[in-house]
Amino acid sequence: MSKKSGKGPLENATHMVRRKGLDTAGDDPYMNKEAPDDMALCKKCGAVYHEKHWYERADLPGSLSGARNSGLVLCPACQKIKDKYAEGYLTIEGRFVKEHADEILSLIDNKEDRQFRMNPLEQIIEIRRFEGRIEVQTTTDKLAQRIGQFLHKTFSGDIAYKWSGDTKLARVVWTRD
């Protein structure tokens, strides 16, 4: 308790959010039931499967960067994009969006590029612009959460998170008027 105000540290908080812990693959129905051959290459995004992990080709360990690929496959993220199977929905709304839409979209693109380098299975499926609103669908719940956090950190505003029961589905709403 603070000695000056007599209130606990959370009583003065302007916005509290309970965040879902970030886990790995979990129960993702698109994760390969049978692992592809080592050094398999995604024919759409160029990610490479090596030792039970998907890498951006440039991030492969140095000794493997010139290795031959064992075959072409579709990684789980690209399969989700093909099927339009989103696990994350981010809604961006408010008057601020009308005036700064291009800047917001540029930040989203940059964030997706950074996340792809860390985990190629986190990609954007679709971005739709409406008057005063942008809707983003992502291949993982985590990517929607991270983009929302990034917008909140960059521009302030209000953010809310909602997860659907046992499924890997997140709805994130970021608003600024």
N, C-alpha and C. Protein backbone atom coordinates (compact mmCIF):
# COMPACT_ATOMS: atom_id res chain seq x y z
N MET A 1 0.84 -1.19 0.00
CA MET A 1 0.00 0.00 0.00
C MET A 1 0.87 1.24 0.00
N SER A 2 0.48 2.22 -0.77
CA SER A 2 1.22 3.48 -0.82
C SER A 2 0.96 4.27 0.45
N LYS A 3 2.01 4.79 1.07
CA LYS A 3 1.85 5.54 2.31
C LYS A 3 1.15 6.86 2.09
N LYS A 4 1.38 7.50 0.94
CA LYS A 4 0.76 8.80 0.68
C LYS A 4 -0.74 8.70 0.45
N SER A 5 -1.15 7.79 -0.45
CA SER A 5 -2.56 7.77 -0.82
C SER A 5 -3.39 6.81 0.01
N GLY A 6 -2.72 5.83 0.63
CA GLY A 6 -3.47 4.83 1.38
C GLY A 6 -4.10 3.80 0.45
N LYS A 7 -3.76 3.85 -0.86
CA LYS A 7 -4.32 2.92 -1.83
C LYS A 7 -3.25 1.95 -2.28
N GLY A 8 -3.69 0.77 -2.68
CA GLY A 8 -2.77 -0.22 -3.24
C GLY A 8 -2.29 0.23 -4.61
N PRO A 9 -1.24 -0.37 -5.14
CA PRO A 9 -0.65 0.06 -6.40
C PRO A 9 -1.60 -0.10 -7.59
N LEU A 10 -2.55 -1.00 -7.54
CA LEU A 10 -3.45 -1.21 -8.68
C LEU A 10 -4.71 -0.35 -8.61
N GLU A 11 -4.97 0.28 -7.52
CA GLU A 11 -6.20 1.06 -7.40
C GLU A 11 -6.15 2.32 -8.24
N ASN A 12 -4.97 2.81 -8.58
CA ASN A 12 -4.85 3.99 -9.42
C ASN A 12 -4.66 3.65 -10.90
N ALA A 13 -4.63 2.37 -11.24
CA ALA A 13 -4.40 1.96 -12.63
C ALA A 13 -5.57 2.44 -13.50
N THR A 14 -5.25 2.99 -14.67
CA THR A 14 -6.29 3.49 -15.56
C THR A 14 -6.82 2.40 -16.46
N HIS A 15 -6.01 1.38 -16.72
CA HIS A 15 -6.46 0.32 -17.63
C HIS A 15 -5.77 -0.99 -17.25
N MET A 16 -6.56 -1.94 -16.81
CA MET A 16 -5.99 -3.23 -16.44
C MET A 16 -6.49 -4.28 -17.40
N VAL A 17 -5.62 -5.17 -17.82
CA VAL A 17 -5.97 -6.23 -18.76
C VAL A 17 -5.35 -7.52 -18.27
N ARG A 18 -6.12 -8.55 -18.30
CA ARG A 18 -5.57 -9.86 -18.00
C ARG A 18 -5.11 -10.45 -19.32
N ARG A 19 -3.84 -10.74 -19.43
CA ARG A 19 -3.28 -11.25 -20.68
C ARG A 19 -3.12 -12.75 -20.63
N LYS A 20 -3.38 -13.36 -21.75
CA LYS A 20 -3.18 -14.79 -21.87
C LYS A 20 -1.69 -15.06 -22.02
N GLY A 21 -1.20 -16.07 -21.35
CA GLY A 21 0.20 -16.44 -21.49
C GLY A 21 0.51 -16.87 -22.91
N LEU A 22 1.69 -16.58 -23.35
CA LEU A 22 2.10 -16.95 -24.70
C LEU A 22 2.67 -18.35 -24.67
N ASP A 23 2.06 -19.24 -25.43
CA ASP A 23 2.57 -20.60 -25.49
C ASP A 23 3.05 -20.90 -26.90
N THR A 24 3.55 -22.08 -27.10
CA THR A 24 4.03 -22.45 -28.43
C THR A 24 2.89 -23.02 -29.23
N ALA A 25 3.08 -24.10 -29.91
CA ALA A 25 2.10 -24.62 -30.87
C ALA A 25 0.77 -25.01 -30.24
N GLY A 26 0.77 -25.53 -29.01
CA GLY A 26 -0.47 -25.89 -28.36
C GLY A 26 -1.27 -26.89 -29.16
N ASP A 27 -2.57 -26.65 -29.30
CA ASP A 27 -3.46 -27.56 -30.01
C ASP A 27 -3.79 -27.04 -31.40
N ASP A 28 -2.86 -26.45 -32.08
CA ASP A 28 -3.08 -25.89 -33.41
C ASP A 28 -3.37 -27.01 -34.40
N PRO A 29 -4.57 -27.05 -34.99
CA PRO A 29 -4.92 -28.13 -35.92
C PRO A 29 -4.10 -28.09 -37.21
N TYR A 30 -3.41 -27.01 -37.49
CA TYR A 30 -2.63 -26.90 -38.71
C TYR A 30 -1.17 -27.30 -38.55
N MET A 31 -0.76 -27.54 -37.31
CA MET A 31 0.62 -27.99 -37.14
C MET A 31 0.73 -29.38 -37.74
N ASN A 32 1.83 -29.62 -38.39
CA ASN A 32 2.01 -30.88 -39.12
C ASN A 32 1.85 -32.07 -38.19
N LYS A 33 0.93 -32.95 -38.56
CA LYS A 33 0.77 -34.19 -37.79
C LYS A 33 1.99 -35.07 -38.04
N GLU A 34 2.43 -35.09 -39.28
CA GLU A 34 3.66 -35.77 -39.64
C GLU A 34 4.65 -34.70 -40.03
N ALA A 35 5.77 -34.68 -39.40
CA ALA A 35 6.75 -33.64 -39.70
C ALA A 35 7.26 -33.81 -41.13
N PRO A 36 7.46 -32.69 -41.82
CA PRO A 36 8.05 -32.80 -43.16
C PRO A 36 9.51 -33.23 -43.04
N ASP A 37 10.08 -33.63 -44.14
CA ASP A 37 11.50 -34.00 -44.14
C ASP A 37 12.33 -32.80 -43.71
N ASP A 38 13.44 -33.08 -43.08
CA ASP A 38 14.33 -32.00 -42.67
C ASP A 38 14.76 -31.20 -43.90
N MET A 39 14.81 -29.89 -43.75
CA MET A 39 15.18 -28.95 -44.81
C MET A 39 14.08 -28.79 -45.87
N ALA A 40 12.83 -29.12 -45.52
CA ALA A 40 11.72 -28.89 -46.44
C ALA A 40 11.50 -27.39 -46.56
N LEU A 41 11.13 -26.96 -47.75
CA LEU A 41 10.96 -25.54 -48.05
C LEU A 41 9.49 -25.24 -48.32
N CYS A 42 8.94 -24.21 -47.66
CA CYS A 42 7.58 -23.80 -47.95
C CYS A 42 7.57 -23.13 -49.32
N LYS A 43 6.73 -23.65 -50.19
CA LYS A 43 6.71 -23.14 -51.57
C LYS A 43 6.08 -21.77 -51.69
N LYS A 44 5.43 -21.28 -50.62
CA LYS A 44 4.82 -19.95 -50.70
C LYS A 44 5.66 -18.88 -50.02
N CYS A 45 6.03 -19.07 -48.75
CA CYS A 45 6.74 -18.01 -48.01
C CYS A 45 8.25 -18.21 -47.96
N GLY A 46 8.73 -19.41 -48.31
CA GLY A 46 10.16 -19.66 -48.30
C GLY A 46 10.73 -20.09 -46.97
N ALA A 47 9.87 -20.31 -45.96
CA ALA A 47 10.36 -20.79 -44.67
C ALA A 47 10.93 -22.20 -44.84
N VAL A 48 11.90 -22.55 -44.01
CA VAL A 48 12.55 -23.85 -44.08
C VAL A 48 12.32 -24.60 -42.78
N TYR A 49 11.95 -25.88 -42.89
CA TYR A 49 11.74 -26.73 -41.72
C TYR A 49 13.05 -27.45 -41.40
N HIS A 50 13.55 -27.26 -40.17
CA HIS A 50 14.79 -27.91 -39.76
C HIS A 50 14.71 -28.25 -38.28
N GLU A 51 14.93 -29.51 -37.96
CA GLU A 51 14.94 -29.99 -36.58
C GLU A 51 13.72 -29.52 -35.79
N LYS A 52 12.55 -29.82 -36.33
CA LYS A 52 11.25 -29.57 -35.67
C LYS A 52 10.93 -28.09 -35.49
N HIS A 53 11.50 -27.24 -36.32
CA HIS A 53 11.25 -25.80 -36.21
C HIS A 53 11.25 -25.18 -37.60
N TRP A 54 10.40 -24.19 -37.79
CA TRP A 54 10.37 -23.45 -39.05
C TRP A 54 11.23 -22.20 -38.90
N TYR A 55 12.09 -21.96 -39.87
CA TYR A 55 13.00 -20.80 -39.87
C TYR A 55 12.79 -19.98 -41.13
N GLU A 56 13.03 -18.70 -41.02
CA GLU A 56 13.18 -17.91 -42.22
C GLU A 56 14.52 -18.37 -42.81
N ARG A 57 14.59 -18.51 -44.12
CA ARG A 57 15.78 -19.07 -44.75
C ARG A 57 17.06 -18.35 -44.29
N ALA A 58 17.03 -17.04 -44.19
CA ALA A 58 18.21 -16.26 -43.80
C ALA A 58 18.64 -16.54 -42.36
N ASP A 59 17.73 -17.09 -41.53
CA ASP A 59 18.05 -17.34 -40.13
C ASP A 59 18.51 -18.76 -39.84
N LEU A 60 18.69 -19.57 -40.88
CA LEU A 60 19.21 -20.91 -40.66
C LEU A 60 20.62 -20.82 -40.13
N PRO A 61 21.03 -21.78 -39.30
CA PRO A 61 22.41 -21.77 -38.85
C PRO A 61 23.35 -21.72 -40.06
N GLY A 62 24.47 -21.01 -39.93
CA GLY A 62 25.40 -20.77 -41.03
C GLY A 62 25.75 -21.99 -41.85
N SER A 63 25.98 -23.12 -41.20
CA SER A 63 26.39 -24.32 -41.92
C SER A 63 25.27 -24.88 -42.79
N LEU A 64 24.03 -24.46 -42.54
CA LEU A 64 22.89 -25.00 -43.30
C LEU A 64 22.37 -24.04 -44.36
N SER A 65 22.84 -22.81 -44.36
CA SER A 65 22.26 -21.81 -45.27
C SER A 65 22.38 -22.20 -46.73
N GLY A 66 23.39 -22.98 -47.09
CA GLY A 66 23.53 -23.40 -48.48
C GLY A 66 23.08 -24.83 -48.71
N ALA A 67 22.52 -25.49 -47.70
CA ALA A 67 22.10 -26.88 -47.83
C ALA A 67 20.95 -27.02 -48.82
N ARG A 68 20.88 -28.18 -49.43
CA ARG A 68 19.80 -28.45 -50.39
C ARG A 68 18.50 -28.72 -49.66
N ASN A 69 17.44 -28.24 -50.25
CA ASN A 69 16.11 -28.49 -49.67
C ASN A 69 15.68 -29.90 -50.04
N SER A 70 14.93 -30.53 -49.14
CA SER A 70 14.51 -31.91 -49.36
C SER A 70 13.18 -31.99 -50.10
N GLY A 71 12.49 -30.90 -50.25
CA GLY A 71 11.22 -30.93 -50.97
C GLY A 71 10.40 -29.69 -50.68
N LEU A 72 9.39 -29.49 -51.52
CA LEU A 72 8.50 -28.34 -51.34
C LEU A 72 7.25 -28.77 -50.60
N VAL A 73 6.87 -27.97 -49.61
CA VAL A 73 5.67 -28.22 -48.82
C VAL A 73 4.96 -26.88 -48.62
N LEU A 74 3.83 -26.91 -47.98
CA LEU A 74 3.14 -25.70 -47.57
C LEU A 74 3.22 -25.67 -46.05
N CYS A 75 3.86 -24.64 -45.49
CA CYS A 75 3.99 -24.56 -44.03
C CYS A 75 2.60 -24.35 -43.42
N PRO A 76 2.45 -24.60 -42.12
CA PRO A 76 1.15 -24.42 -41.48
C PRO A 76 0.57 -23.01 -41.63
N ALA A 77 1.41 -21.98 -41.59
CA ALA A 77 0.90 -20.61 -41.73
C ALA A 77 0.35 -20.37 -43.13
N CYS A 78 1.06 -20.81 -44.14
CA CYS A 78 0.58 -20.62 -45.51
C CYS A 78 -0.68 -21.44 -45.79
N GLN A 79 -0.79 -22.60 -45.14
CA GLN A 79 -2.02 -23.40 -45.28
C GLN A 79 -3.19 -22.66 -44.64
N LYS A 80 -2.96 -22.02 -43.49
CA LYS A 80 -4.02 -21.22 -42.85
C LYS A 80 -4.43 -20.06 -43.75
N ILE A 81 -3.45 -19.40 -44.37
CA ILE A 81 -3.76 -18.29 -45.27
C ILE A 81 -4.58 -18.79 -46.44
N LYS A 82 -4.18 -19.90 -47.01
CA LYS A 82 -4.92 -20.49 -48.13
C LYS A 82 -6.37 -20.80 -47.73
N ASP A 83 -6.56 -21.35 -46.54
CA ASP A 83 -7.89 -21.73 -46.05
C ASP A 83 -8.64 -20.57 -45.38
N LYS A 84 -7.97 -19.42 -45.23
CA LYS A 84 -8.52 -18.27 -44.51
C LYS A 84 -8.94 -18.67 -43.09
N TYR A 85 -8.07 -19.40 -42.42
CA TYR A 85 -8.29 -19.88 -41.06
C TYR A 85 -7.52 -18.98 -40.08
N ALA A 86 -8.20 -18.03 -39.52
CA ALA A 86 -7.57 -17.07 -38.61
C ALA A 86 -7.70 -17.54 -37.16
N GLU A 87 -6.64 -17.32 -36.39
CA GLU A 87 -6.68 -17.55 -34.96
C GLU A 87 -6.61 -16.25 -34.19
N GLY A 88 -6.35 -15.15 -34.91
CA GLY A 88 -6.28 -13.85 -34.28
C GLY A 88 -7.04 -12.82 -35.11
N TYR A 89 -7.83 -12.02 -34.43
CA TYR A 89 -8.59 -10.93 -35.06
C TYR A 89 -8.26 -9.66 -34.31
N LEU A 90 -7.77 -8.67 -35.04
CA LEU A 90 -7.45 -7.38 -34.45
C LEU A 90 -8.32 -6.33 -35.12
N THR A 91 -9.06 -5.59 -34.32
CA THR A 91 -9.87 -4.49 -34.83
C THR A 91 -9.25 -3.20 -34.33
N ILE A 92 -9.02 -2.29 -35.25
CA ILE A 92 -8.40 -0.99 -34.95
C ILE A 92 -9.43 0.06 -35.32
N GLU A 93 -9.86 0.86 -34.35
CA GLU A 93 -10.94 1.79 -34.64
C GLU A 93 -10.79 3.10 -33.88
N GLY A 94 -11.55 4.09 -34.33
CA GLY A 94 -11.56 5.41 -33.70
C GLY A 94 -11.21 6.49 -34.70
N ARG A 95 -11.44 7.72 -34.31
CA ARG A 95 -11.14 8.86 -35.19
C ARG A 95 -9.65 8.91 -35.57
N PHE A 96 -8.81 8.53 -34.66
CA PHE A 96 -7.36 8.53 -34.90
C PHE A 96 -7.02 7.69 -36.14
N VAL A 97 -7.73 6.60 -36.33
CA VAL A 97 -7.47 5.68 -37.44
C VAL A 97 -7.69 6.36 -38.78
N LYS A 98 -8.73 7.17 -38.90
CA LYS A 98 -9.00 7.87 -40.16
C LYS A 98 -7.82 8.74 -40.57
N GLU A 99 -7.25 9.43 -39.62
CA GLU A 99 -6.16 10.37 -39.91
C GLU A 99 -4.80 9.71 -40.04
N HIS A 100 -4.62 8.53 -39.46
CA HIS A 100 -3.30 7.90 -39.40
C HIS A 100 -3.29 6.47 -39.97
N ALA A 101 -4.24 6.13 -40.83
CA ALA A 101 -4.37 4.76 -41.33
C ALA A 101 -3.10 4.27 -42.03
N ASP A 102 -2.52 5.10 -42.88
CA ASP A 102 -1.32 4.67 -43.61
C ASP A 102 -0.16 4.40 -42.66
N GLU A 103 0.00 5.25 -41.65
CA GLU A 103 1.06 5.07 -40.66
C GLU A 103 0.82 3.79 -39.85
N ILE A 104 -0.42 3.54 -39.47
CA ILE A 104 -0.77 2.34 -38.72
C ILE A 104 -0.48 1.10 -39.56
N LEU A 105 -0.88 1.12 -40.83
CA LEU A 105 -0.65 -0.04 -41.70
C LEU A 105 0.84 -0.29 -41.91
N SER A 106 1.62 0.76 -42.00
CA SER A 106 3.07 0.62 -42.13
C SER A 106 3.67 -0.02 -40.87
N LEU A 107 3.21 0.40 -39.70
CA LEU A 107 3.68 -0.20 -38.44
C LEU A 107 3.30 -1.68 -38.35
N ILE A 108 2.09 -2.00 -38.80
CA ILE A 108 1.64 -3.40 -38.78
C ILE A 108 2.53 -4.24 -39.70
N ASP A 109 2.82 -3.72 -40.87
CA ASP A 109 3.68 -4.42 -41.82
C ASP A 109 5.08 -4.65 -41.23
N ASN A 110 5.63 -3.63 -40.59
CA ASN A 110 6.94 -3.76 -39.96
C ASN A 110 6.93 -4.79 -38.84
N LYS A 111 5.87 -4.78 -38.04
CA LYS A 111 5.76 -5.75 -36.93
C LYS A 111 5.66 -7.17 -37.47
N GLU A 112 4.88 -7.36 -38.54
CA GLU A 112 4.76 -8.69 -39.12
C GLU A 112 6.11 -9.16 -39.65
N ASP A 113 6.86 -8.29 -40.31
CA ASP A 113 8.18 -8.66 -40.82
C ASP A 113 9.10 -9.11 -39.69
N ARG A 114 9.11 -8.37 -38.58
CA ARG A 114 9.95 -8.75 -37.43
C ARG A 114 9.52 -10.08 -36.84
N GLN A 115 8.20 -10.28 -36.70
CA GLN A 115 7.70 -11.53 -36.14
C GLN A 115 8.01 -12.70 -37.07
N PHE A 116 7.92 -12.50 -38.38
CA PHE A 116 8.21 -13.56 -39.34
C PHE A 116 9.66 -14.04 -39.18
N ARG A 117 10.57 -13.11 -38.92
CA ARG A 117 11.97 -13.49 -38.73
C ARG A 117 12.14 -14.34 -37.48
N MET A 118 11.34 -14.07 -36.45
CA MET A 118 11.43 -14.87 -35.22
C MET A 118 10.66 -16.18 -35.35
N ASN A 119 9.51 -16.13 -36.03
CA ASN A 119 8.67 -17.31 -36.19
C ASN A 119 7.87 -17.18 -37.48
N PRO A 120 8.29 -17.85 -38.55
CA PRO A 120 7.60 -17.72 -39.84
C PRO A 120 6.15 -18.20 -39.82
N LEU A 121 5.74 -18.85 -38.75
CA LEU A 121 4.35 -19.31 -38.68
C LEU A 121 3.40 -18.21 -38.21
N GLU A 122 3.93 -17.05 -37.88
CA GLU A 122 3.10 -15.91 -37.49
C GLU A 122 3.03 -14.93 -38.67
N GLN A 123 1.89 -14.96 -39.36
CA GLN A 123 1.72 -14.13 -40.53
C GLN A 123 0.33 -13.50 -40.52
N ILE A 124 0.18 -12.47 -41.33
CA ILE A 124 -1.12 -11.82 -41.50
C ILE A 124 -1.84 -12.51 -42.66
N ILE A 125 -3.09 -12.85 -42.42
CA ILE A 125 -3.91 -13.48 -43.46
C ILE A 125 -4.53 -12.41 -44.35
N GLU A 126 -5.09 -11.39 -43.71
CA GLU A 126 -5.80 -10.37 -44.48
C GLU A 126 -5.92 -9.09 -43.66
N ILE A 127 -5.88 -7.97 -44.36
CA ILE A 127 -6.14 -6.67 -43.75
C ILE A 127 -7.24 -6.01 -44.56
N ARG A 128 -8.29 -5.60 -43.87
CA ARG A 128 -9.40 -4.90 -44.55
C ARG A 128 -9.56 -3.52 -43.93
N ARG A 129 -9.71 -2.53 -44.80
CA ARG A 129 -9.93 -1.15 -44.36
C ARG A 129 -11.37 -0.76 -44.59
N PHE A 130 -11.95 -0.18 -43.57
CA PHE A 130 -13.28 0.39 -43.65
C PHE A 130 -13.14 1.84 -43.21
N GLU A 131 -14.16 2.63 -43.38
CA GLU A 131 -14.08 4.01 -42.92
C GLU A 131 -13.97 4.03 -41.40
N GLY A 132 -12.83 4.49 -40.91
CA GLY A 132 -12.63 4.61 -39.47
C GLY A 132 -12.29 3.31 -38.77
N ARG A 133 -12.00 2.25 -39.53
CA ARG A 133 -11.71 0.96 -38.90
C ARG A 133 -10.80 0.13 -39.81
N ILE A 134 -9.91 -0.60 -39.19
CA ILE A 134 -9.06 -1.55 -39.90
C ILE A 134 -9.23 -2.90 -39.20
N GLU A 135 -9.40 -3.95 -39.97
CA GLU A 135 -9.52 -5.29 -39.41
C GLU A 135 -8.38 -6.15 -39.94
N VAL A 136 -7.69 -6.81 -39.02
CA VAL A 136 -6.53 -7.64 -39.36
C VAL A 136 -6.80 -9.06 -38.88
N GLN A 137 -6.60 -10.03 -39.77
CA GLN A 137 -6.70 -11.44 -39.40
C GLN A 137 -5.30 -12.03 -39.44
N THR A 138 -4.96 -12.80 -38.39
CA THR A 138 -3.62 -13.36 -38.27
C THR A 138 -3.66 -14.88 -38.12
N THR A 139 -2.53 -15.52 -38.44
CA THR A 139 -2.46 -16.97 -38.35
C THR A 139 -2.36 -17.48 -36.92
N THR A 140 -1.96 -16.60 -35.99
CA THR A 140 -1.88 -17.02 -34.59
C THR A 140 -2.54 -15.97 -33.69
N ASP A 141 -3.03 -16.42 -32.56
CA ASP A 141 -3.59 -15.50 -31.58
C ASP A 141 -2.51 -14.56 -31.06
N LYS A 142 -1.29 -15.07 -30.95
CA LYS A 142 -0.18 -14.28 -30.41
C LYS A 142 0.16 -13.08 -31.29
N LEU A 143 0.10 -13.25 -32.61
CA LEU A 143 0.45 -12.14 -33.49
C LEU A 143 -0.57 -11.01 -33.36
N ALA A 144 -1.85 -11.33 -33.28
CA ALA A 144 -2.86 -10.29 -33.07
C ALA A 144 -2.61 -9.55 -31.76
N GLN A 145 -2.28 -10.30 -30.72
CA GLN A 145 -1.98 -9.70 -29.42
C GLN A 145 -0.75 -8.80 -29.50
N ARG A 146 0.29 -9.27 -30.16
CA ARG A 146 1.53 -8.47 -30.25
C ARG A 146 1.34 -7.20 -31.06
N ILE A 147 0.59 -7.28 -32.15
CA ILE A 147 0.36 -6.08 -32.95
C ILE A 147 -0.47 -5.09 -32.14
N GLY A 148 -1.48 -5.58 -31.43
CA GLY A 148 -2.29 -4.70 -30.58
C GLY A 148 -1.44 -4.04 -29.51
N GLN A 149 -0.56 -4.80 -28.86
CA GLN A 149 0.33 -4.24 -27.84
C GLN A 149 1.25 -3.19 -28.44
N PHE A 150 1.74 -3.46 -29.65
CA PHE A 150 2.64 -2.53 -30.33
C PHE A 150 1.92 -1.22 -30.64
N LEU A 151 0.69 -1.29 -31.13
CA LEU A 151 -0.09 -0.08 -31.40
C LEU A 151 -0.36 0.69 -30.12
N HIS A 152 -0.70 -0.03 -29.06
CA HIS A 152 -0.98 0.61 -27.77
C HIS A 152 0.26 1.30 -27.23
N LYS A 153 1.40 0.64 -27.34
CA LYS A 153 2.65 1.23 -26.85
C LYS A 153 3.05 2.45 -27.69
N THR A 154 2.81 2.39 -28.99
CA THR A 154 3.20 3.46 -29.90
C THR A 154 2.28 4.67 -29.83
N PHE A 155 0.96 4.42 -29.82
CA PHE A 155 -0.02 5.50 -29.93
C PHE A 155 -0.91 5.69 -28.71
N SER A 156 -0.71 4.92 -27.65
CA SER A 156 -1.59 4.93 -26.48
C SER A 156 -2.97 4.41 -26.89
N GLY A 157 -4.03 5.04 -26.43
CA GLY A 157 -5.38 4.56 -26.73
C GLY A 157 -5.81 3.49 -25.74
N ASP A 158 -6.85 2.76 -26.09
CA ASP A 158 -7.39 1.70 -25.25
C ASP A 158 -7.28 0.37 -25.98
N ILE A 159 -7.00 -0.69 -25.22
CA ILE A 159 -6.88 -2.01 -25.82
C ILE A 159 -7.63 -3.01 -24.96
N ALA A 160 -8.29 -3.95 -25.62
CA ALA A 160 -9.02 -5.01 -24.92
C ALA A 160 -8.71 -6.33 -25.59
N TYR A 161 -8.60 -7.39 -24.79
CA TYR A 161 -8.30 -8.72 -25.29
C TYR A 161 -9.43 -9.66 -24.88
N LYS A 162 -9.75 -10.59 -25.77
CA LYS A 162 -10.75 -11.60 -25.44
C LYS A 162 -10.34 -12.90 -26.12
N TRP A 163 -10.32 -13.99 -25.33
CA TRP A 163 -9.99 -15.29 -25.87
C TRP A 163 -11.20 -16.19 -25.78
N SER A 164 -11.33 -17.05 -26.77
CA SER A 164 -12.45 -17.98 -26.82
C SER A 164 -12.07 -19.28 -26.14
N GLY A 165 -12.70 -19.53 -25.04
CA GLY A 165 -12.58 -20.78 -24.29
C GLY A 165 -11.34 -21.61 -24.56
N ASP A 166 -11.55 -22.83 -25.04
CA ASP A 166 -10.46 -23.77 -25.25
C ASP A 166 -9.80 -23.64 -26.62
N THR A 167 -10.40 -22.86 -27.51
CA THR A 167 -9.82 -22.73 -28.84
C THR A 167 -8.72 -21.69 -28.84
N LYS A 168 -7.89 -21.74 -29.83
CA LYS A 168 -6.80 -20.77 -29.95
C LYS A 168 -7.31 -19.61 -30.79
N LEU A 169 -8.17 -18.82 -30.23
CA LEU A 169 -8.76 -17.70 -30.96
C LEU A 169 -8.73 -16.47 -30.07
N ALA A 170 -8.13 -15.41 -30.59
CA ALA A 170 -8.04 -14.15 -29.83
C ALA A 170 -8.71 -13.04 -30.62
N ARG A 171 -9.42 -12.19 -29.90
CA ARG A 171 -9.98 -10.96 -30.48
C ARG A 171 -9.39 -9.81 -29.69
N VAL A 172 -8.73 -8.92 -30.43
CA VAL A 172 -8.07 -7.78 -29.82
C VAL A 172 -8.67 -6.54 -30.45
N VAL A 173 -9.05 -5.58 -29.62
CA VAL A 173 -9.61 -4.32 -30.12
C VAL A 173 -8.77 -3.18 -29.57
N TRP A 174 -8.21 -2.39 -30.48
CA TRP A 174 -7.45 -1.21 -30.10
C TRP A 174 -8.23 0.01 -30.61
N THR A 175 -8.48 0.96 -29.72
CA THR A 175 -9.28 2.14 -30.04
C THR A 175 -8.56 3.40 -29.60
N ARG A 176 -8.66 4.40 -30.46
CA ARG A 176 -8.19 5.73 -30.05
C ARG A 176 -9.00 6.78 -30.81
N ASP A 177 -9.60 7.67 -30.05
CA ASP A 177 -10.38 8.76 -30.66
C ASP A 177 -9.59 10.02 -30.75
